[in-house]
Amino acid sequence: MLQIEKDIPVPEQTTKYPFKDMETGDSIYFEDERQANSARVSALRFAGRQEAVWGFTLRKTDPDRDKVGWRLWRTE
């Protein structure tokens, strides 16, 4: 049988990515495509939980301008 416990504090929520600290135009660089796609999905889920409209976009970086990899931008 399960036991009910009282006065147990809820732990602080932790995040792997700093989405709440990002402003429009800020970006995060990823060398690994798989991690970049994971961050994109996490960003979209994060945006869905916000009352304000937040947008994110993921693009492969231009090797002439940046390191080859992926960059996730906050767009709104």
PDB file of N, CA and C in Angstrom:
ATOM      1  N   MET A   1       0.836  -1.181   0.000  1.00  0.00           N
ATOM      2  CA  MET A   1       0.000   0.000   0.000  1.00  0.00           C
ATOM      3  C   MET A   1       0.884   1.249   0.000  1.00  0.00           C
ATOM      4  N   LEU A   2       0.465   2.254  -0.735  1.00  0.00           N
ATOM      5  CA  LEU A   2       1.222   3.502  -0.817  1.00  0.00           C
ATOM      6  C   LEU A   2       0.969   4.349   0.426  1.00  0.00           C
ATOM      7  N   GLN A   3       2.010   5.037   0.844  1.00  0.00           N
ATOM      8  CA  GLN A   3       1.919   5.875   2.026  1.00  0.00           C
ATOM      9  C   GLN A   3       1.890   7.346   1.613  1.00  0.00           C
ATOM     10  N   ILE A   4       0.960   8.096   2.184  1.00  0.00           N
ATOM     11  CA  ILE A   4       0.880   9.534   1.926  1.00  0.00           C
ATOM     12  C   ILE A   4       1.863  10.244   2.838  1.00  0.00           C
ATOM     13  N   GLU A   5       2.649  11.143   2.248  1.00  0.00           N
ATOM     14  CA  GLU A   5       3.614  11.925   3.027  1.00  0.00           C
ATOM     15  C   GLU A   5       3.245  13.401   2.920  1.00  0.00           C
ATOM     16  N   LYS A   6       3.407  14.116   3.985  1.00  0.00           N
ATOM     17  CA  LYS A   6       3.056  15.534   4.025  1.00  0.00           C
ATOM     18  C   LYS A   6       4.309  16.379   4.164  1.00  0.00           C
ATOM     19  N   ASP A   7       4.213  17.635   3.715  1.00  0.00           N
ATOM     20  CA  ASP A   7       5.255  18.643   3.856  1.00  0.00           C
ATOM     21  C   ASP A   7       6.576  18.268   3.169  1.00  0.00           C
ATOM     22  N   ILE A   8       6.487  17.617   2.030  1.00  0.00           N
ATOM     23  CA  ILE A   8       7.673  17.321   1.232  1.00  0.00           C
ATOM     24  C   ILE A   8       7.755  18.410   0.157  1.00  0.00           C
ATOM     25  N   PRO A   9       8.821  19.233   0.159  1.00  0.00           N
ATOM     26  CA  PRO A   9       8.898  20.314  -0.830  1.00  0.00           C
ATOM     27  C   PRO A   9       9.127  19.783  -2.249  1.00  0.00           C
ATOM     28  N   VAL A  10       8.562  20.499  -3.213  1.00  0.00           N
ATOM     29  CA  VAL A  10       8.753  20.153  -4.622  1.00  0.00           C
ATOM     30  C   VAL A  10      10.123  20.678  -5.046  1.00  0.00           C
ATOM     31  N   PRO A  11      10.962  19.852  -5.657  1.00  0.00           N
ATOM     32  CA  PRO A  11      12.289  20.324  -6.083  1.00  0.00           C
ATOM     33  C   PRO A  11      12.166  21.373  -7.186  1.00  0.00           C
ATOM     34  N   GLU A  12      13.169  22.243  -7.251  1.00  0.00           N
ATOM     35  CA  GLU A  12      13.201  23.259  -8.302  1.00  0.00           C
ATOM     36  C   GLU A  12      13.293  22.563  -9.658  1.00  0.00           C
ATOM     37  N   GLN A  13      12.620  23.144 -10.640  1.00  0.00           N
ATOM     38  CA  GLN A  13      12.670  22.594 -11.990  1.00  0.00           C
ATOM     39  C   GLN A  13      13.993  23.004 -12.642  1.00  0.00           C
ATOM     40  N   THR A  14      14.660  22.048 -13.232  1.00  0.00           N
ATOM     41  CA  THR A  14      15.924  22.339 -13.902  1.00  0.00           C
ATOM     42  C   THR A  14      15.738  22.159 -15.408  1.00  0.00           C
ATOM     43  N   THR A  15      16.553  22.875 -16.169  1.00  0.00           N
ATOM     44  CA  THR A  15      16.489  22.755 -17.620  1.00  0.00           C
ATOM     45  C   THR A  15      17.888  22.517 -18.171  1.00  0.00           C
ATOM     46  N   LYS A  16      17.940  21.817 -19.260  1.00  0.00           N
ATOM     47  CA  LYS A  16      19.212  21.531 -19.923  1.00  0.00           C
ATOM     48  C   LYS A  16      19.662  22.719 -20.780  1.00  0.00           C
ATOM     49  N   TYR A  17      18.679  23.481 -21.286  1.00  0.00           N
ATOM     50  CA  TYR A  17      18.963  24.595 -22.192  1.00  0.00           C
ATOM     51  C   TYR A  17      18.469  25.908 -21.572  1.00  0.00           C
ATOM     52  N   PRO A  18      19.124  27.039 -21.876  1.00  0.00           N
ATOM     53  CA  PRO A  18      18.774  28.320 -21.248  1.00  0.00           C
ATOM     54  C   PRO A  18      17.697  29.109 -22.004  1.00  0.00           C
ATOM     55  N   PHE A  19      16.609  28.464 -22.410  1.00  0.00           N
ATOM     56  CA  PHE A  19      15.599  29.141 -23.226  1.00  0.00           C
ATOM     57  C   PHE A  19      14.995  30.363 -22.539  1.00  0.00           C
ATOM     58  N   LYS A  20      14.717  30.263 -21.251  1.00  0.00           N
ATOM     59  CA  LYS A  20      14.056  31.383 -20.569  1.00  0.00           C
ATOM     60  C   LYS A  20      14.956  32.612 -20.478  1.00  0.00           C
ATOM     61  N   ASP A  21      16.266  32.445 -20.616  1.00  0.00           N
ATOM     62  CA  ASP A  21      17.199  33.571 -20.567  1.00  0.00           C
ATOM     63  C   ASP A  21      17.459  34.180 -21.943  1.00  0.00           C
ATOM     64  N   MET A  22      16.937  33.542 -22.986  1.00  0.00           N
ATOM     65  CA  MET A  22      17.193  34.017 -24.345  1.00  0.00           C
ATOM     66  C   MET A  22      16.261  35.165 -24.706  1.00  0.00           C
ATOM     67  N   GLU A  23      16.806  36.120 -25.451  1.00  0.00           N
ATOM     68  CA  GLU A  23      16.018  37.210 -26.004  1.00  0.00           C
ATOM     69  C   GLU A  23      15.925  37.001 -27.512  1.00  0.00           C
ATOM     70  N   THR A  24      14.998  37.696 -28.149  1.00  0.00           N
ATOM     71  CA  THR A  24      14.854  37.588 -29.595  1.00  0.00           C
ATOM     72  C   THR A  24      16.186  37.898 -30.272  1.00  0.00           C
ATOM     73  N   GLY A  25      16.614  37.028 -31.169  1.00  0.00           N
ATOM     74  CA  GLY A  25      17.882  37.187 -31.878  1.00  0.00           C
ATOM     75  C   GLY A  25      19.035  36.415 -31.261  1.00  0.00           C
ATOM     76  N   ASP A  26      18.889  35.966 -30.011  1.00  0.00           N
ATOM     77  CA  ASP A  26      19.928  35.157 -29.367  1.00  0.00           C
ATOM     78  C   ASP A  26      19.941  33.760 -29.991  1.00  0.00           C
ATOM     79  N   SER A  27      21.106  33.113 -29.956  1.00  0.00           N
ATOM     80  CA  SER A  27      21.204  31.772 -30.522  1.00  0.00           C
ATOM     81  C   SER A  27      22.140  30.901 -29.690  1.00  0.00           C
ATOM     82  N   ILE A  28      22.011  29.601 -29.900  1.00  0.00           N
ATOM     83  CA  ILE A  28      22.858  28.591 -29.260  1.00  0.00           C
ATOM     84  C   ILE A  28      23.486  27.769 -30.378  1.00  0.00           C
ATOM     85  N   TYR A  29      24.796  27.544 -30.299  1.00  0.00           N
ATOM     86  CA  TYR A  29      25.518  26.782 -31.320  1.00  0.00           C
ATOM     87  C   TYR A  29      25.670  25.324 -30.879  1.00  0.00           C
ATOM     88  N   PHE A  30      25.493  24.410 -31.821  1.00  0.00           N
ATOM     89  CA  PHE A  30      25.662  22.972 -31.581  1.00  0.00           C
ATOM     90  C   PHE A  30      26.557  22.393 -32.661  1.00  0.00           C
ATOM     91  N   GLU A  31      27.521  21.595 -32.263  1.00  0.00           N
ATOM     92  CA  GLU A  31      28.346  20.886 -33.241  1.00  0.00           C
ATOM     93  C   GLU A  31      27.659  19.615 -33.712  1.00  0.00           C
ATOM     94  N   ASP A  32      26.850  19.014 -32.848  1.00  0.00           N
ATOM     95  CA  ASP A  32      26.207  17.734 -33.121  1.00  0.00           C
ATOM     96  C   ASP A  32      24.773  17.936 -33.598  1.00  0.00           C
ATOM     97  N   GLU A  33      24.425  17.404 -34.762  1.00  0.00           N
ATOM     98  CA  GLU A  33      23.087  17.571 -35.325  1.00  0.00           C
ATOM     99  C   GLU A  33      22.011  16.938 -34.433  1.00  0.00           C
ATOM    100  N   ARG A  34      22.331  15.808 -33.858  1.00  0.00           N
ATOM    101  CA  ARG A  34      21.348  15.126 -33.007  1.00  0.00           C
ATOM    102  C   ARG A  34      21.006  15.974 -31.775  1.00  0.00           C
ATOM    103  N   GLN A  35      22.017  16.558 -31.149  1.00  0.00           N
ATOM    104  CA  GLN A  35      21.780  17.422 -29.993  1.00  0.00           C
ATOM    105  C   GLN A  35      21.021  18.685 -30.407  1.00  0.00           C
ATOM    106  N   ALA A  36      21.338  19.215 -31.586  1.00  0.00           N
ATOM    107  CA  ALA A  36      20.647  20.404 -32.090  1.00  0.00           C
ATOM    108  C   ALA A  36      19.163  20.109 -32.290  1.00  0.00           C
ATOM    109  N   ASN A  37      18.840  18.959 -32.859  1.00  0.00           N
ATOM    110  CA  ASN A  37      17.437  18.585 -33.060  1.00  0.00           C
ATOM    111  C   ASN A  37      16.732  18.347 -31.732  1.00  0.00           C
ATOM    112  N   SER A  38      17.425  17.779 -30.770  1.00  0.00           N
ATOM    113  CA  SER A  38      16.855  17.585 -29.438  1.00  0.00           C
ATOM    114  C   SER A  38      16.536  18.941 -28.794  1.00  0.00           C
ATOM    115  N   ALA A  39      17.442  19.895 -28.942  1.00  0.00           N
ATOM    116  CA  ALA A  39      17.227  21.233 -28.400  1.00  0.00           C
ATOM    117  C   ALA A  39      16.052  21.910 -29.096  1.00  0.00           C
ATOM    118  N   ARG A  40      15.914  21.709 -30.405  1.00  0.00           N
ATOM    119  CA  ARG A  40      14.798  22.296 -31.146  1.00  0.00           C
ATOM    120  C   ARG A  40      13.465  21.795 -30.617  1.00  0.00           C
ATOM    121  N   VAL A  41      13.359  20.500 -30.400  1.00  0.00           N
ATOM    122  CA  VAL A  41      12.129  19.921 -29.857  1.00  0.00           C
ATOM    123  C   VAL A  41      11.869  20.465 -28.451  1.00  0.00           C
ATOM    124  N   SER A  42      12.909  20.533 -27.636  1.00  0.00           N
ATOM    125  CA  SER A  42      12.770  21.085 -26.280  1.00  0.00           C
ATOM    126  C   SER A  42      12.334  22.544 -26.329  1.00  0.00           C
ATOM    127  N   ALA A  43      12.880  23.307 -27.270  1.00  0.00           N
ATOM    128  CA  ALA A  43      12.513  24.721 -27.407  1.00  0.00           C
ATOM    129  C   ALA A  43      11.048  24.874 -27.788  1.00  0.00           C
ATOM    130  N   LEU A  44      10.575  24.037 -28.693  1.00  0.00           N
ATOM    131  CA  LEU A  44       9.175  24.116 -29.097  1.00  0.00           C
ATOM    132  C   LEU A  44       8.246  23.736 -27.950  1.00  0.00           C
ATOM    133  N   ARG A  45       8.630  22.756 -27.163  1.00  0.00           N
ATOM    134  CA  ARG A  45       7.833  22.389 -25.981  1.00  0.00           C
ATOM    135  C   ARG A  45       7.856  23.511 -24.954  1.00  0.00           C
ATOM    136  N   PHE A  46       9.032  24.110 -24.756  1.00  0.00           N
ATOM    137  CA  PHE A  46       9.155  25.238 -23.836  1.00  0.00           C
ATOM    138  C   PHE A  46       8.262  26.386 -24.302  1.00  0.00           C
ATOM    139  N   ALA A  47       8.322  26.700 -25.598  1.00  0.00           N
ATOM    140  CA  ALA A  47       7.517  27.798 -26.149  1.00  0.00           C
ATOM    141  C   ALA A  47       6.027  27.527 -25.958  1.00  0.00           C
ATOM    142  N   GLY A  48       5.624  26.285 -26.086  1.00  0.00           N
ATOM    143  CA  GLY A  48       4.218  25.931 -25.906  1.00  0.00           C
ATOM    144  C   GLY A  48       3.723  26.138 -24.490  1.00  0.00           C
ATOM    145  N   ARG A  49       4.619  26.116 -23.514  1.00  0.00           N
ATOM    146  CA  ARG A  49       4.233  26.309 -22.114  1.00  0.00           C
ATOM    147  C   ARG A  49       4.225  27.780 -21.698  1.00  0.00           C
ATOM    148  N   GLN A  50       4.733  28.670 -22.556  1.00  0.00           N
ATOM    149  CA  GLN A  50       4.804  30.086 -22.218  1.00  0.00           C
ATOM    150  C   GLN A  50       3.489  30.776 -22.584  1.00  0.00           C
ATOM    151  N   GLU A  51       3.124  31.770 -21.800  1.00  0.00           N
ATOM    152  CA  GLU A  51       1.921  32.530 -22.137  1.00  0.00           C
ATOM    153  C   GLU A  51       2.181  33.466 -23.315  1.00  0.00           C
ATOM    154  N   ALA A  52       3.396  33.978 -23.419  1.00  0.00           N
ATOM    155  CA  ALA A  52       3.758  34.826 -24.551  1.00  0.00           C
ATOM    156  C   ALA A  52       4.097  33.943 -25.748  1.00  0.00           C
ATOM    157  N   VAL A  53       4.050  34.509 -26.923  1.00  0.00           N
ATOM    158  CA  VAL A  53       4.390  33.757 -28.133  1.00  0.00           C
ATOM    159  C   VAL A  53       5.905  33.771 -28.298  1.00  0.00           C
ATOM    160  N   TRP A  54       6.501  32.604 -28.283  1.00  0.00           N
ATOM    161  CA  TRP A  54       7.937  32.450 -28.494  1.00  0.00           C
ATOM    162  C   TRP A  54       8.129  31.602 -29.740  1.00  0.00           C
ATOM    163  N   GLY A  55       9.121  31.953 -30.547  1.00  0.00           N
ATOM    164  CA  GLY A  55       9.435  31.159 -31.726  1.00  0.00           C
ATOM    165  C   GLY A  55      10.911  30.801 -31.749  1.00  0.00           C
ATOM    166  N   PHE A  56      11.217  29.653 -32.318  1.00  0.00           N
ATOM    167  CA  PHE A  56      12.597  29.194 -32.452  1.00  0.00           C
ATOM    168  C   PHE A  56      12.785  28.631 -33.849  1.00  0.00           C
ATOM    169  N   THR A  57      13.997  28.749 -34.369  1.00  0.00           N
ATOM    170  CA  THR A  57      14.318  28.144 -35.655  1.00  0.00           C
ATOM    171  C   THR A  57      15.731  27.563 -35.604  1.00  0.00           C
ATOM    172  N   LEU A  58      15.916  26.443 -36.263  1.00  0.00           N
ATOM    173  CA  LEU A  58      17.203  25.753 -36.302  1.00  0.00           C
ATOM    174  C   LEU A  58      17.713  25.764 -37.739  1.00  0.00           C
ATOM    175  N   ARG A  59      18.972  26.158 -37.912  1.00  0.00           N
ATOM    176  CA  ARG A  59      19.572  26.173 -39.238  1.00  0.00           C
ATOM    177  C   ARG A  59      20.993  25.629 -39.183  1.00  0.00           C
ATOM    178  N   LYS A  60      21.398  24.975 -40.268  1.00  0.00           N
ATOM    179  CA  LYS A  60      22.794  24.554 -40.403  1.00  0.00           C
ATOM    180  C   LYS A  60      23.601  25.820 -40.682  1.00  0.00           C
ATOM    181  N   THR A  61      24.752  25.934 -40.048  1.00  0.00           N
ATOM    182  CA  THR A  61      25.544  27.157 -40.198  1.00  0.00           C
ATOM    183  C   THR A  61      26.297  27.173 -41.515  1.00  0.00           C
ATOM    184  N   ASP A  62      26.578  28.365 -41.975  1.00  0.00           N
ATOM    185  CA  ASP A  62      27.322  28.579 -43.214  1.00  0.00           C
ATOM    186  C   ASP A  62      28.811  28.401 -42.928  1.00  0.00           C
ATOM    187  N   PRO A  63      29.484  27.443 -43.557  1.00  0.00           N
ATOM    188  CA  PRO A  63      30.901  27.200 -43.253  1.00  0.00           C
ATOM    189  C   PRO A  63      31.804  28.389 -43.613  1.00  0.00           C
ATOM    190  N   ASP A  64      31.340  29.274 -44.488  1.00  0.00           N
ATOM    191  CA  ASP A  64      32.143  30.445 -44.842  1.00  0.00           C
ATOM    192  C   ASP A  64      32.097  31.519 -43.752  1.00  0.00           C
ATOM    193  N   ARG A  65      31.042  31.532 -42.952  1.00  0.00           N
ATOM    194  CA  ARG A  65      30.877  32.574 -41.944  1.00  0.00           C
ATOM    195  C   ARG A  65      31.074  32.071 -40.522  1.00  0.00           C
ATOM    196  N   ASP A  66      30.911  30.798 -40.302  1.00  0.00           N
ATOM    197  CA  ASP A  66      30.893  30.250 -38.952  1.00  0.00           C
ATOM    198  C   ASP A  66      31.472  28.842 -38.981  1.00  0.00           C
ATOM    199  N   LYS A  67      31.595  28.266 -37.816  1.00  0.00           N
ATOM    200  CA  LYS A  67      31.975  26.855 -37.748  1.00  0.00           C
ATOM    201  C   LYS A  67      30.839  26.031 -38.346  1.00  0.00           C
ATOM    202  N   VAL A  68      31.168  24.905 -38.946  1.00  0.00           N
ATOM    203  CA  VAL A  68      30.117  24.028 -39.465  1.00  0.00           C
ATOM    204  C   VAL A  68      29.422  23.384 -38.284  1.00  0.00           C
ATOM    205  N   GLY A  69      28.121  23.503 -38.245  1.00  0.00           N
ATOM    206  CA  GLY A  69      27.315  22.959 -37.165  1.00  0.00           C
ATOM    207  C   GLY A  69      25.893  23.440 -37.321  1.00  0.00           C
ATOM    208  N   TRP A  70      25.176  23.561 -36.215  1.00  0.00           N
ATOM    209  CA  TRP A  70      23.790  23.990 -36.229  1.00  0.00           C
ATOM    210  C   TRP A  70      23.606  25.076 -35.188  1.00  0.00           C
ATOM    211  N   ARG A  71      22.711  25.994 -35.477  1.00  0.00           N
ATOM    212  CA  ARG A  71      22.448  27.104 -34.570  1.00  0.00           C
ATOM    213  C   ARG A  71      20.937  27.224 -34.380  1.00  0.00           C
ATOM    214  N   LEU A  72      20.524  27.337 -33.116  1.00  0.00           N
ATOM    215  CA  LEU A  72      19.117  27.491 -32.752  1.00  0.00           C
ATOM    216  C   LEU A  72      18.904  28.937 -32.315  1.00  0.00           C
ATOM    217  N   TRP A  73      18.044  29.662 -33.035  1.00  0.00           N
ATOM    218  CA  TRP A  73      17.749  31.057 -32.725  1.00  0.00           C
ATOM    219  C   TRP A  73      16.378  31.195 -32.083  1.00  0.00           C
ATOM    220  N   ARG A  74      16.267  32.164 -31.168  1.00  0.00           N
ATOM    221  CA  ARG A  74      14.943  32.571 -30.704  1.00  0.00           C
ATOM    222  C   ARG A  74      14.498  33.663 -31.670  1.00  0.00           C
ATOM    223  N   THR A  75      13.337  33.482 -32.290  1.00  0.00           N
ATOM    224  CA  THR A  75      12.881  34.397 -33.327  1.00  0.00           C
ATOM    225  C   THR A  75      11.806  35.360 -32.840  1.00  0.00           C
ATOM    226  N   GLU A  76      11.124  35.083 -31.763  1.00  0.00           N
ATOM    227  CA  GLU A  76      10.086  35.979 -31.235  1.00  0.00           C
ATOM    228  C   GLU A  76      10.215  36.060 -29.737  1.00  0.00           C
TER     229      GLU A  76
END
